[in-house]
Amino acid sequence: MIFDMEGQFVGQGGWRRVYVDLPGMGKTPGPDWITCADDVLEVLEEFVDSVIGDESFSVAGTSYGAYLALGLVHRRAARIEGVLLSLLPLFRDDNLPGFVTIHEDGAVVSTAVSESIHWLVEMAVTHNRSVLEYARALAAGAAANKGFLE
């Protein structure tokens, strides 16, 4: 989210941003007592209460984070001033239109393929150096606990 969002805040004062490392993602362990998305949502609500308190806030989420953001909207609508949701398809359907590439740098595509970063070629609409660096950062930080997430 930092990669996706921070550029939008350049020159935009007044926004406090808090990026959450969800249970089982990144460096946050996934404890055994969390068994479903509702449990994760409760952890997220406790986090909001402890970090934001009674203040109003906006919420943003991508993919599973967008799903959880919708849960926050459902449970905390009176305090939420704005919502940004970005959903990523987790499936491919040949009957649906594919992604349209807006910019393609052949050297970046070759590098991504050689580094087994196939999603960049298949799903990213821009194939440039900064997207490649983002993909590398994701791969380097891919410490998600896949067993927990299942």
N, C-alpha and C. Protein backbone atom coordinates (compact mmCIF):
# COMPACT_ATOMS: atom_id res chain seq x y z
N MET A 1 0.82 -1.19 0.00
CA MET A 1 0.00 0.00 0.00
C MET A 1 0.86 1.26 0.00
N ILE A 2 2.01 1.20 0.68
CA ILE A 2 2.87 2.39 0.71
C ILE A 2 3.27 2.77 -0.71
N PHE A 3 3.68 1.76 -1.49
CA PHE A 3 4.09 2.03 -2.87
C PHE A 3 2.92 2.62 -3.66
N ASP A 4 1.73 2.07 -3.47
CA ASP A 4 0.56 2.52 -4.21
C ASP A 4 0.09 3.91 -3.78
N MET A 5 0.20 4.23 -2.51
CA MET A 5 -0.46 5.41 -1.97
C MET A 5 0.43 6.65 -1.80
N GLU A 6 1.65 6.48 -1.37
CA GLU A 6 2.45 7.63 -0.95
C GLU A 6 2.61 8.70 -2.03
N GLY A 7 2.75 8.28 -3.26
CA GLY A 7 2.89 9.26 -4.34
C GLY A 7 1.68 10.18 -4.47
N GLN A 8 0.53 9.72 -4.04
CA GLN A 8 -0.69 10.52 -4.13
C GLN A 8 -0.72 11.63 -3.08
N PHE A 9 0.13 11.52 -2.06
CA PHE A 9 0.12 12.49 -0.97
C PHE A 9 1.19 13.57 -1.09
N VAL A 10 1.97 13.53 -2.15
CA VAL A 10 2.99 14.55 -2.34
C VAL A 10 2.31 15.91 -2.44
N GLY A 11 2.69 16.83 -1.57
CA GLY A 11 2.11 18.16 -1.56
C GLY A 11 0.72 18.24 -0.95
N GLN A 12 0.25 17.15 -0.38
CA GLN A 12 -1.08 17.12 0.24
C GLN A 12 -0.91 17.07 1.76
N GLY A 13 -0.86 18.20 2.40
CA GLY A 13 -0.70 18.23 3.84
C GLY A 13 -1.97 17.80 4.57
N GLY A 14 -1.81 17.48 5.84
CA GLY A 14 -2.95 17.21 6.68
C GLY A 14 -3.43 15.77 6.74
N TRP A 15 -2.78 14.89 6.03
CA TRP A 15 -3.20 13.49 6.05
C TRP A 15 -2.24 12.67 6.90
N ARG A 16 -2.74 12.10 7.95
CA ARG A 16 -1.98 11.13 8.74
C ARG A 16 -2.27 9.76 8.13
N ARG A 17 -1.22 9.03 7.83
CA ARG A 17 -1.38 7.73 7.18
C ARG A 17 -0.83 6.63 8.07
N VAL A 18 -1.60 5.58 8.21
CA VAL A 18 -1.19 4.44 9.02
C VAL A 18 -1.34 3.20 8.14
N TYR A 19 -0.25 2.49 7.92
CA TYR A 19 -0.28 1.28 7.10
C TYR A 19 -0.24 0.08 8.04
N VAL A 20 -1.19 -0.82 7.87
CA VAL A 20 -1.35 -1.96 8.77
C VAL A 20 -0.74 -3.21 8.12
N ASP A 21 0.07 -3.91 8.89
CA ASP A 21 0.60 -5.21 8.47
C ASP A 21 -0.35 -6.25 9.08
N LEU A 22 -1.25 -6.76 8.27
CA LEU A 22 -2.29 -7.66 8.76
C LEU A 22 -1.71 -8.98 9.29
N PRO A 23 -2.42 -9.63 10.21
CA PRO A 23 -1.96 -10.93 10.73
C PRO A 23 -1.70 -11.92 9.59
N GLY A 24 -0.55 -12.56 9.67
CA GLY A 24 -0.17 -13.54 8.66
C GLY A 24 0.49 -12.96 7.44
N MET A 25 0.57 -11.63 7.38
CA MET A 25 1.19 -10.96 6.25
C MET A 25 2.51 -10.36 6.71
N GLY A 26 3.42 -10.20 5.81
CA GLY A 26 4.66 -9.51 6.14
C GLY A 26 5.32 -10.04 7.39
N LYS A 27 5.50 -9.17 8.37
CA LYS A 27 6.21 -9.54 9.60
C LYS A 27 5.28 -9.81 10.77
N THR A 28 3.98 -9.69 10.56
CA THR A 28 3.03 -9.93 11.65
C THR A 28 2.62 -11.40 11.64
N PRO A 29 2.86 -12.10 12.75
CA PRO A 29 2.50 -13.52 12.78
C PRO A 29 0.99 -13.72 12.73
N GLY A 30 0.59 -14.90 12.32
CA GLY A 30 -0.82 -15.27 12.29
C GLY A 30 -1.09 -16.23 13.44
N PRO A 31 -1.63 -15.73 14.56
CA PRO A 31 -1.86 -16.61 15.71
C PRO A 31 -2.94 -17.66 15.44
N ASP A 32 -2.85 -18.76 16.15
CA ASP A 32 -3.78 -19.88 15.95
C ASP A 32 -5.23 -19.51 16.25
N TRP A 33 -5.46 -18.54 17.13
CA TRP A 33 -6.83 -18.21 17.50
C TRP A 33 -7.56 -17.44 16.40
N ILE A 34 -6.83 -16.92 15.42
CA ILE A 34 -7.49 -16.28 14.27
C ILE A 34 -7.81 -17.38 13.27
N THR A 35 -9.11 -17.60 13.06
CA THR A 35 -9.52 -18.70 12.19
C THR A 35 -10.37 -18.26 11.00
N CYS A 36 -10.73 -16.96 10.94
CA CYS A 36 -11.57 -16.50 9.83
C CYS A 36 -11.39 -14.99 9.65
N ALA A 37 -11.96 -14.47 8.58
CA ALA A 37 -11.85 -13.05 8.28
C ALA A 37 -12.49 -12.18 9.35
N ASP A 38 -13.55 -12.68 10.00
CA ASP A 38 -14.17 -11.90 11.08
C ASP A 38 -13.20 -11.69 12.24
N ASP A 39 -12.36 -12.69 12.52
CA ASP A 39 -11.35 -12.54 13.57
C ASP A 39 -10.33 -11.47 13.18
N VAL A 40 -9.92 -11.47 11.92
CA VAL A 40 -8.97 -10.46 11.44
C VAL A 40 -9.62 -9.07 11.52
N LEU A 41 -10.88 -8.98 11.16
CA LEU A 41 -11.59 -7.70 11.25
C LEU A 41 -11.64 -7.20 12.69
N GLU A 42 -11.84 -8.09 13.64
CA GLU A 42 -11.85 -7.68 15.05
C GLU A 42 -10.48 -7.15 15.47
N VAL A 43 -9.42 -7.80 15.01
CA VAL A 43 -8.06 -7.31 15.30
C VAL A 43 -7.89 -5.92 14.69
N LEU A 44 -8.36 -5.74 13.48
CA LEU A 44 -8.26 -4.46 12.80
C LEU A 44 -9.06 -3.38 13.55
N GLU A 45 -10.23 -3.73 14.03
CA GLU A 45 -11.02 -2.77 14.81
C GLU A 45 -10.30 -2.38 16.10
N GLU A 46 -9.69 -3.34 16.78
CA GLU A 46 -8.94 -3.03 18.00
C GLU A 46 -7.76 -2.13 17.68
N PHE A 47 -7.11 -2.37 16.53
CA PHE A 47 -6.00 -1.54 16.10
C PHE A 47 -6.49 -0.10 15.87
N VAL A 48 -7.60 0.05 15.15
CA VAL A 48 -8.16 1.37 14.88
C VAL A 48 -8.47 2.08 16.20
N ASP A 49 -9.10 1.37 17.12
CA ASP A 49 -9.45 1.97 18.41
C ASP A 49 -8.22 2.43 19.17
N SER A 50 -7.16 1.63 19.14
CA SER A 50 -5.98 1.98 19.92
C SER A 50 -5.13 3.06 19.25
N VAL A 51 -5.09 3.10 17.93
CA VAL A 51 -4.24 4.06 17.22
C VAL A 51 -4.98 5.34 16.87
N ILE A 52 -6.23 5.22 16.46
CA ILE A 52 -6.99 6.39 16.01
C ILE A 52 -7.91 6.92 17.10
N GLY A 53 -8.31 6.05 18.00
CA GLY A 53 -9.21 6.48 19.08
C GLY A 53 -10.59 6.79 18.55
N ASP A 54 -11.15 7.90 19.00
CA ASP A 54 -12.51 8.27 18.61
C ASP A 54 -12.56 9.18 17.38
N GLU A 55 -11.42 9.45 16.77
CA GLU A 55 -11.38 10.34 15.61
C GLU A 55 -12.07 9.71 14.41
N SER A 56 -12.57 10.56 13.53
CA SER A 56 -13.07 10.08 12.24
C SER A 56 -11.86 9.74 11.37
N PHE A 57 -12.06 8.89 10.39
CA PHE A 57 -10.95 8.49 9.53
C PHE A 57 -11.46 8.05 8.17
N SER A 58 -10.54 7.97 7.23
CA SER A 58 -10.79 7.38 5.93
C SER A 58 -10.07 6.04 5.90
N VAL A 59 -10.52 5.15 5.07
CA VAL A 59 -9.92 3.82 5.01
C VAL A 59 -9.69 3.46 3.54
N ALA A 60 -8.57 2.79 3.30
CA ALA A 60 -8.24 2.31 1.95
C ALA A 60 -7.79 0.88 2.06
N GLY A 61 -8.06 0.11 1.05
CA GLY A 61 -7.62 -1.28 1.04
C GLY A 61 -7.54 -1.82 -0.37
N THR A 62 -6.64 -2.76 -0.56
CA THR A 62 -6.47 -3.43 -1.84
C THR A 62 -6.71 -4.91 -1.66
N SER A 63 -7.49 -5.50 -2.55
CA SER A 63 -7.75 -6.92 -2.57
C SER A 63 -8.38 -7.36 -1.24
N TYR A 64 -7.73 -8.25 -0.51
CA TYR A 64 -8.26 -8.71 0.78
C TYR A 64 -8.40 -7.54 1.75
N GLY A 65 -7.49 -6.59 1.67
CA GLY A 65 -7.58 -5.39 2.50
C GLY A 65 -8.82 -4.57 2.17
N ALA A 66 -9.25 -4.57 0.90
CA ALA A 66 -10.48 -3.88 0.52
C ALA A 66 -11.69 -4.59 1.13
N TYR A 67 -11.64 -5.90 1.14
CA TYR A 67 -12.70 -6.69 1.76
C TYR A 67 -12.81 -6.34 3.25
N LEU A 68 -11.67 -6.26 3.92
CA LEU A 68 -11.67 -5.89 5.34
C LEU A 68 -12.11 -4.44 5.53
N ALA A 69 -11.73 -3.56 4.61
CA ALA A 69 -12.16 -2.16 4.69
C ALA A 69 -13.69 -2.07 4.62
N LEU A 70 -14.29 -2.90 3.79
CA LEU A 70 -15.75 -2.93 3.73
C LEU A 70 -16.35 -3.36 5.07
N GLY A 71 -15.68 -4.29 5.75
CA GLY A 71 -16.11 -4.68 7.08
C GLY A 71 -16.06 -3.52 8.06
N LEU A 72 -14.98 -2.72 7.97
CA LEU A 72 -14.89 -1.53 8.82
C LEU A 72 -16.01 -0.54 8.49
N VAL A 73 -16.31 -0.37 7.22
CA VAL A 73 -17.40 0.52 6.83
C VAL A 73 -18.71 0.02 7.44
N HIS A 74 -18.93 -1.26 7.38
CA HIS A 74 -20.16 -1.84 7.94
C HIS A 74 -20.25 -1.61 9.44
N ARG A 75 -19.14 -1.79 10.14
CA ARG A 75 -19.16 -1.72 11.60
C ARG A 75 -18.91 -0.32 12.16
N ARG A 76 -18.24 0.55 11.40
CA ARG A 76 -17.84 1.86 11.92
C ARG A 76 -18.26 3.00 11.00
N ALA A 77 -19.33 2.84 10.27
CA ALA A 77 -19.73 3.81 9.25
C ALA A 77 -19.82 5.24 9.77
N ALA A 78 -20.28 5.44 10.98
CA ALA A 78 -20.46 6.79 11.52
C ALA A 78 -19.14 7.54 11.66
N ARG A 79 -18.03 6.83 11.76
CA ARG A 79 -16.73 7.47 11.95
C ARG A 79 -15.92 7.57 10.66
N ILE A 80 -16.37 6.93 9.60
CA ILE A 80 -15.58 6.87 8.37
C ILE A 80 -15.99 8.00 7.43
N GLU A 81 -14.99 8.81 7.04
CA GLU A 81 -15.22 9.96 6.17
C GLU A 81 -15.03 9.64 4.70
N GLY A 82 -14.26 8.61 4.39
CA GLY A 82 -14.01 8.29 2.99
C GLY A 82 -13.49 6.87 2.86
N VAL A 83 -13.68 6.30 1.68
CA VAL A 83 -13.28 4.92 1.42
C VAL A 83 -12.65 4.84 0.03
N LEU A 84 -11.52 4.14 -0.06
CA LEU A 84 -10.89 3.85 -1.34
C LEU A 84 -10.66 2.35 -1.40
N LEU A 85 -11.30 1.70 -2.36
CA LEU A 85 -11.17 0.26 -2.49
C LEU A 85 -10.57 -0.07 -3.85
N SER A 86 -9.59 -0.95 -3.84
CA SER A 86 -8.98 -1.41 -5.07
C SER A 86 -9.02 -2.92 -5.03
N LEU A 87 -9.79 -3.50 -5.91
CA LEU A 87 -9.96 -4.95 -5.92
C LEU A 87 -9.11 -5.56 -7.01
N LEU A 88 -8.44 -6.65 -6.70
CA LEU A 88 -7.60 -7.34 -7.66
C LEU A 88 -8.21 -8.70 -7.95
N PRO A 89 -8.39 -9.04 -9.22
CA PRO A 89 -8.95 -10.36 -9.52
C PRO A 89 -7.95 -11.46 -9.17
N LEU A 90 -8.46 -12.51 -8.55
CA LEU A 90 -7.61 -13.63 -8.19
C LEU A 90 -7.80 -14.80 -9.14
N PHE A 91 -8.47 -14.57 -10.24
CA PHE A 91 -8.73 -15.62 -11.20
C PHE A 91 -8.60 -15.07 -12.60
N ARG A 92 -8.50 -15.95 -13.53
CA ARG A 92 -8.50 -15.56 -14.95
C ARG A 92 -9.67 -16.23 -15.61
N ASP A 93 -10.32 -15.51 -16.49
CA ASP A 93 -11.46 -16.02 -17.23
C ASP A 93 -11.27 -15.58 -18.66
N ASP A 94 -11.07 -16.52 -19.56
CA ASP A 94 -10.81 -16.18 -20.96
C ASP A 94 -12.02 -15.52 -21.64
N ASN A 95 -13.19 -15.56 -20.98
CA ASN A 95 -14.37 -14.91 -21.54
C ASN A 95 -14.43 -13.43 -21.20
N LEU A 96 -13.58 -12.98 -20.28
CA LEU A 96 -13.54 -11.58 -19.89
C LEU A 96 -12.40 -10.88 -20.61
N PRO A 97 -12.56 -9.57 -20.86
CA PRO A 97 -11.46 -8.86 -21.51
C PRO A 97 -10.20 -8.90 -20.64
N GLY A 98 -9.06 -9.01 -21.27
CA GLY A 98 -7.80 -9.05 -20.52
C GLY A 98 -7.32 -7.66 -20.16
N PHE A 99 -6.16 -7.61 -19.53
CA PHE A 99 -5.54 -6.33 -19.19
C PHE A 99 -4.98 -5.71 -20.46
N VAL A 100 -5.02 -4.41 -20.52
CA VAL A 100 -4.47 -3.68 -21.65
C VAL A 100 -3.17 -3.04 -21.17
N THR A 101 -2.08 -3.33 -21.85
CA THR A 101 -0.79 -2.76 -21.49
C THR A 101 -0.71 -1.34 -22.02
N ILE A 102 -0.45 -0.39 -21.13
CA ILE A 102 -0.36 1.01 -21.51
C ILE A 102 1.06 1.38 -21.92
N HIS A 103 2.03 0.82 -21.18
CA HIS A 103 3.45 1.10 -21.48
C HIS A 103 4.23 -0.19 -21.28
N GLU A 104 5.06 -0.52 -22.26
CA GLU A 104 5.86 -1.75 -22.14
C GLU A 104 7.30 -1.45 -22.49
N ASP A 105 8.16 -1.74 -21.53
CA ASP A 105 9.60 -1.64 -21.72
C ASP A 105 10.09 -3.08 -21.87
N GLY A 106 10.55 -3.43 -23.05
CA GLY A 106 10.97 -4.80 -23.34
C GLY A 106 12.03 -5.32 -22.39
N ALA A 107 12.96 -4.46 -21.99
CA ALA A 107 14.02 -4.87 -21.06
C ALA A 107 13.42 -5.23 -19.70
N VAL A 108 12.42 -4.47 -19.26
CA VAL A 108 11.76 -4.75 -17.98
C VAL A 108 11.02 -6.07 -18.07
N VAL A 109 10.32 -6.30 -19.16
CA VAL A 109 9.59 -7.56 -19.34
C VAL A 109 10.57 -8.73 -19.31
N SER A 110 11.68 -8.64 -20.03
CA SER A 110 12.68 -9.72 -20.03
C SER A 110 13.22 -9.98 -18.64
N THR A 111 13.51 -8.91 -17.90
CA THR A 111 14.02 -9.06 -16.54
C THR A 111 12.98 -9.71 -15.64
N ALA A 112 11.74 -9.26 -15.75
CA ALA A 112 10.66 -9.82 -14.92
C ALA A 112 10.51 -11.32 -15.19
N VAL A 113 10.54 -11.71 -16.44
CA VAL A 113 10.42 -13.12 -16.79
C VAL A 113 11.61 -13.91 -16.26
N SER A 114 12.81 -13.36 -16.40
CA SER A 114 14.00 -14.08 -15.93
C SER A 114 14.03 -14.22 -14.40
N GLU A 115 13.35 -13.28 -13.71
CA GLU A 115 13.28 -13.32 -12.24
C GLU A 115 11.99 -13.99 -11.75
N SER A 116 11.27 -14.62 -12.67
CA SER A 116 10.01 -15.32 -12.35
C SER A 116 8.96 -14.41 -11.71
N ILE A 117 8.91 -13.17 -12.15
CA ILE A 117 7.89 -12.23 -11.69
C ILE A 117 6.84 -12.14 -12.81
N HIS A 118 6.16 -13.25 -13.03
CA HIS A 118 5.23 -13.36 -14.16
C HIS A 118 4.00 -12.47 -14.01
N TRP A 119 3.57 -12.20 -12.79
CA TRP A 119 2.37 -11.37 -12.62
C TRP A 119 2.56 -9.98 -13.19
N LEU A 120 3.80 -9.47 -13.17
CA LEU A 120 4.06 -8.14 -13.71
C LEU A 120 3.69 -8.11 -15.19
N VAL A 121 4.07 -9.14 -15.92
CA VAL A 121 3.80 -9.20 -17.35
C VAL A 121 2.32 -9.48 -17.61
N GLU A 122 1.73 -10.33 -16.78
CA GLU A 122 0.35 -10.78 -17.02
C GLU A 122 -0.70 -9.79 -16.53
N MET A 123 -0.40 -9.01 -15.46
CA MET A 123 -1.44 -8.20 -14.84
C MET A 123 -1.14 -6.71 -14.77
N ALA A 124 0.11 -6.32 -14.73
CA ALA A 124 0.43 -4.90 -14.62
C ALA A 124 0.16 -4.22 -15.96
N VAL A 125 -0.43 -3.04 -15.94
CA VAL A 125 -0.72 -2.33 -17.18
C VAL A 125 0.46 -1.48 -17.63
N THR A 126 1.40 -1.26 -16.72
CA THR A 126 2.61 -0.51 -17.05
C THR A 126 3.81 -1.39 -16.73
N HIS A 127 4.64 -1.61 -17.72
CA HIS A 127 5.85 -2.41 -17.53
C HIS A 127 7.04 -1.46 -17.61
N ASN A 128 7.35 -0.84 -16.47
CA ASN A 128 8.49 0.06 -16.45
C ASN A 128 9.38 -0.27 -15.24
N ARG A 129 10.47 0.46 -15.11
CA ARG A 129 11.47 0.19 -14.08
C ARG A 129 10.87 0.30 -12.67
N SER A 130 10.02 1.30 -12.42
CA SER A 130 9.48 1.47 -11.06
C SER A 130 8.53 0.33 -10.69
N VAL A 131 7.77 -0.18 -11.65
CA VAL A 131 6.89 -1.32 -11.37
C VAL A 131 7.74 -2.56 -11.10
N LEU A 132 8.84 -2.70 -11.83
CA LEU A 132 9.75 -3.83 -11.58
C LEU A 132 10.34 -3.74 -10.18
N GLU A 133 10.75 -2.55 -9.75
CA GLU A 133 11.29 -2.39 -8.39
C GLU A 133 10.22 -2.70 -7.35
N TYR A 134 8.98 -2.30 -7.59
CA TYR A 134 7.88 -2.62 -6.70
C TYR A 134 7.70 -4.14 -6.61
N ALA A 135 7.72 -4.81 -7.76
CA ALA A 135 7.57 -6.27 -7.79
C ALA A 135 8.71 -6.95 -7.04
N ARG A 136 9.91 -6.45 -7.20
CA ARG A 136 11.05 -7.01 -6.46
C ARG A 136 10.88 -6.80 -4.95
N ALA A 137 10.40 -5.63 -4.56
CA ALA A 137 10.18 -5.35 -3.13
C ALA A 137 9.12 -6.30 -2.58
N LEU A 138 8.08 -6.55 -3.35
CA LEU A 138 7.05 -7.51 -2.91
C LEU A 138 7.65 -8.89 -2.73
N ALA A 139 8.45 -9.30 -3.70
CA ALA A 139 9.06 -10.63 -3.62
C ALA A 139 10.00 -10.73 -2.43
N ALA A 140 10.76 -9.68 -2.17
CA ALA A 140 11.71 -9.67 -1.04
C ALA A 140 10.96 -9.70 0.29
N GLY A 141 9.80 -9.07 0.33
CA GLY A 141 9.04 -9.01 1.57
C GLY A 141 7.96 -10.07 1.65
N ALA A 142 8.03 -11.03 0.76
CA ALA A 142 6.99 -12.06 0.71
C ALA A 142 7.13 -13.03 1.87
N ALA A 143 6.94 -12.47 3.06
CA ALA A 143 7.08 -13.28 4.26
C ALA A 143 5.72 -13.74 4.77
N ALA A 144 4.71 -13.66 3.92
CA ALA A 144 3.38 -14.04 4.37
C ALA A 144 3.36 -15.50 4.79
N ASN A 145 2.61 -15.78 5.82
CA ASN A 145 2.45 -17.13 6.34
C ASN A 145 1.34 -17.80 5.54
N LYS A 146 1.71 -18.49 4.46
CA LYS A 146 0.73 -19.06 3.56
C LYS A 146 -0.16 -20.09 4.22
N GLY A 147 0.37 -20.88 5.14
CA GLY A 147 -0.45 -21.84 5.88
C GLY A 147 -1.53 -21.15 6.70
N PHE A 148 -1.16 -20.08 7.39
CA PHE A 148 -2.13 -19.31 8.16
C PHE A 148 -3.19 -18.70 7.25
N LEU A 149 -2.75 -18.13 6.13
CA LEU A 149 -3.68 -17.45 5.24
C LEU A 149 -4.68 -18.44 4.62
N GLU A 150 -4.24 -19.66 4.38
CA GLU A 150 -5.17 -20.68 3.86
C GLU A 150 -6.27 -20.91 4.88
